[in-house]
Amino acid sequence: MTTVTVKLPEELGLRLAVAAKRRQINKSEIIRQLLEQGLGATSQQPPVSCYDLAKDLCGSVKNAPRDLSTNKRHFEGFGQ
């Protein structure tokens, strides 16, 4: 793999860091993906789904009712 050094404006560097953290991949991978898109690569990866972004959160709440999203009883008084 070839190494390339790029200087970025401060704001763009921060946006890159935030995107990498949100997608849980490193900055180099984001840059590679964007270059492939911009240069018209033939083997494009599918876009990241909402599930892919949140799958590590599934089951992370302890002692929550199993029917929290479907049982109307849990929504009593919600939004008031």
Protein backbone atom coordinates (compact mmCIF):
# COMPACT_ATOMS: atom_id res chain seq x y z
CA MET A 1 0.00 0.00 0.00
CA THR A 2 1.30 3.48 -0.87
CA THR A 3 1.59 6.14 1.84
CA VAL A 4 0.47 9.69 1.02
CA THR A 5 0.75 12.69 3.34
CA VAL A 6 -1.93 15.35 3.05
CA LYS A 7 -2.26 18.66 4.89
CA LEU A 8 -5.83 19.60 5.79
CA PRO A 9 -7.33 22.83 7.11
CA GLU A 10 -8.13 22.56 10.84
CA GLU A 11 -11.91 22.45 10.31
CA LEU A 12 -11.71 19.73 7.66
CA GLY A 13 -9.44 17.67 9.90
CA LEU A 14 -11.97 17.93 12.74
CA ARG A 15 -14.82 16.92 10.43
CA LEU A 16 -12.78 13.93 9.29
CA ALA A 17 -12.09 12.89 12.89
CA VAL A 18 -15.79 13.16 13.81
CA ALA A 19 -16.85 11.13 10.77
CA ALA A 20 -14.28 8.44 11.58
CA LYS A 21 -15.45 8.18 15.17
CA ARG A 22 -19.12 8.08 14.14
CA ARG A 23 -18.50 5.33 11.56
CA GLN A 24 -16.05 3.53 13.86
CA ILE A 25 -13.37 3.32 11.18
CA ASN A 26 -10.04 5.08 10.90
CA LYS A 27 -9.49 8.32 8.99
CA SER A 28 -7.45 6.57 6.30
CA GLU A 29 -10.37 4.31 5.43
CA ILE A 30 -12.70 7.31 5.03
CA ILE A 31 -10.19 9.04 2.77
CA ARG A 32 -9.79 5.84 0.68
CA GLN A 33 -13.58 5.51 0.31
CA LEU A 34 -13.97 9.14 -0.73
CA LEU A 35 -11.13 8.88 -3.23
CA GLU A 36 -12.67 5.75 -4.74
CA GLN A 37 -16.02 7.53 -5.08
CA GLY A 38 -14.45 10.65 -6.52
CA LEU A 39 -12.26 8.78 -8.97
CA GLY A 40 -15.05 6.47 -10.11
CA ALA A 41 -13.77 3.16 -8.78
CA THR A 42 -15.50 0.08 -10.16
CA SER A 43 -15.73 -1.80 -6.86
CA GLN A 44 -17.80 0.41 -4.62
CA GLN A 45 -18.73 -0.71 -1.14
CA PRO A 46 -22.41 -0.51 -0.13
CA PRO A 47 -23.35 2.52 1.97
CA VAL A 48 -23.40 2.18 5.74
CA SER A 49 -26.91 1.46 7.04
CA CYS A 50 -28.52 2.80 10.22
CA TYR A 51 -28.30 -0.71 11.64
CA ASP A 52 -24.56 -0.86 10.93
CA LEU A 53 -24.08 2.41 12.80
CA ALA A 54 -26.16 1.40 15.83
CA LYS A 55 -25.72 -2.40 16.07
CA ASP A 56 -23.29 -2.09 18.98
CA LEU A 57 -26.06 -0.35 20.96
CA CYS A 58 -28.54 -3.23 20.64
CA GLY A 59 -28.96 -4.85 24.02
CA SER A 60 -26.79 -2.28 25.78
CA VAL A 61 -29.51 -1.05 28.17
CA LYS A 62 -29.61 -3.23 31.24
CA ASN A 63 -32.81 -4.00 33.16
CA ALA A 64 -35.04 -2.49 30.45
CA PRO A 65 -38.40 -4.11 29.69
CA ARG A 66 -38.30 -6.38 26.63
CA ASP A 67 -41.42 -4.77 25.14
CA LEU A 68 -40.35 -1.16 25.65
CA SER A 69 -41.00 -0.06 22.07
CA THR A 70 -44.34 -1.83 21.61
CA ASN A 71 -46.17 -1.72 24.92
CA LYS A 72 -48.35 1.41 25.15
CA ARG A 73 -48.13 1.27 28.95
CA HIS A 74 -44.50 2.50 28.75
CA PHE A 75 -45.62 5.62 26.86
CA GLU A 76 -48.17 6.87 29.42
CA GLY A 77 -47.49 10.57 30.03
CA PHE A 78 -44.85 10.75 27.32
CA GLY A 79 -44.50 14.26 25.86
CA GLN A 80 -46.54 15.97 28.57
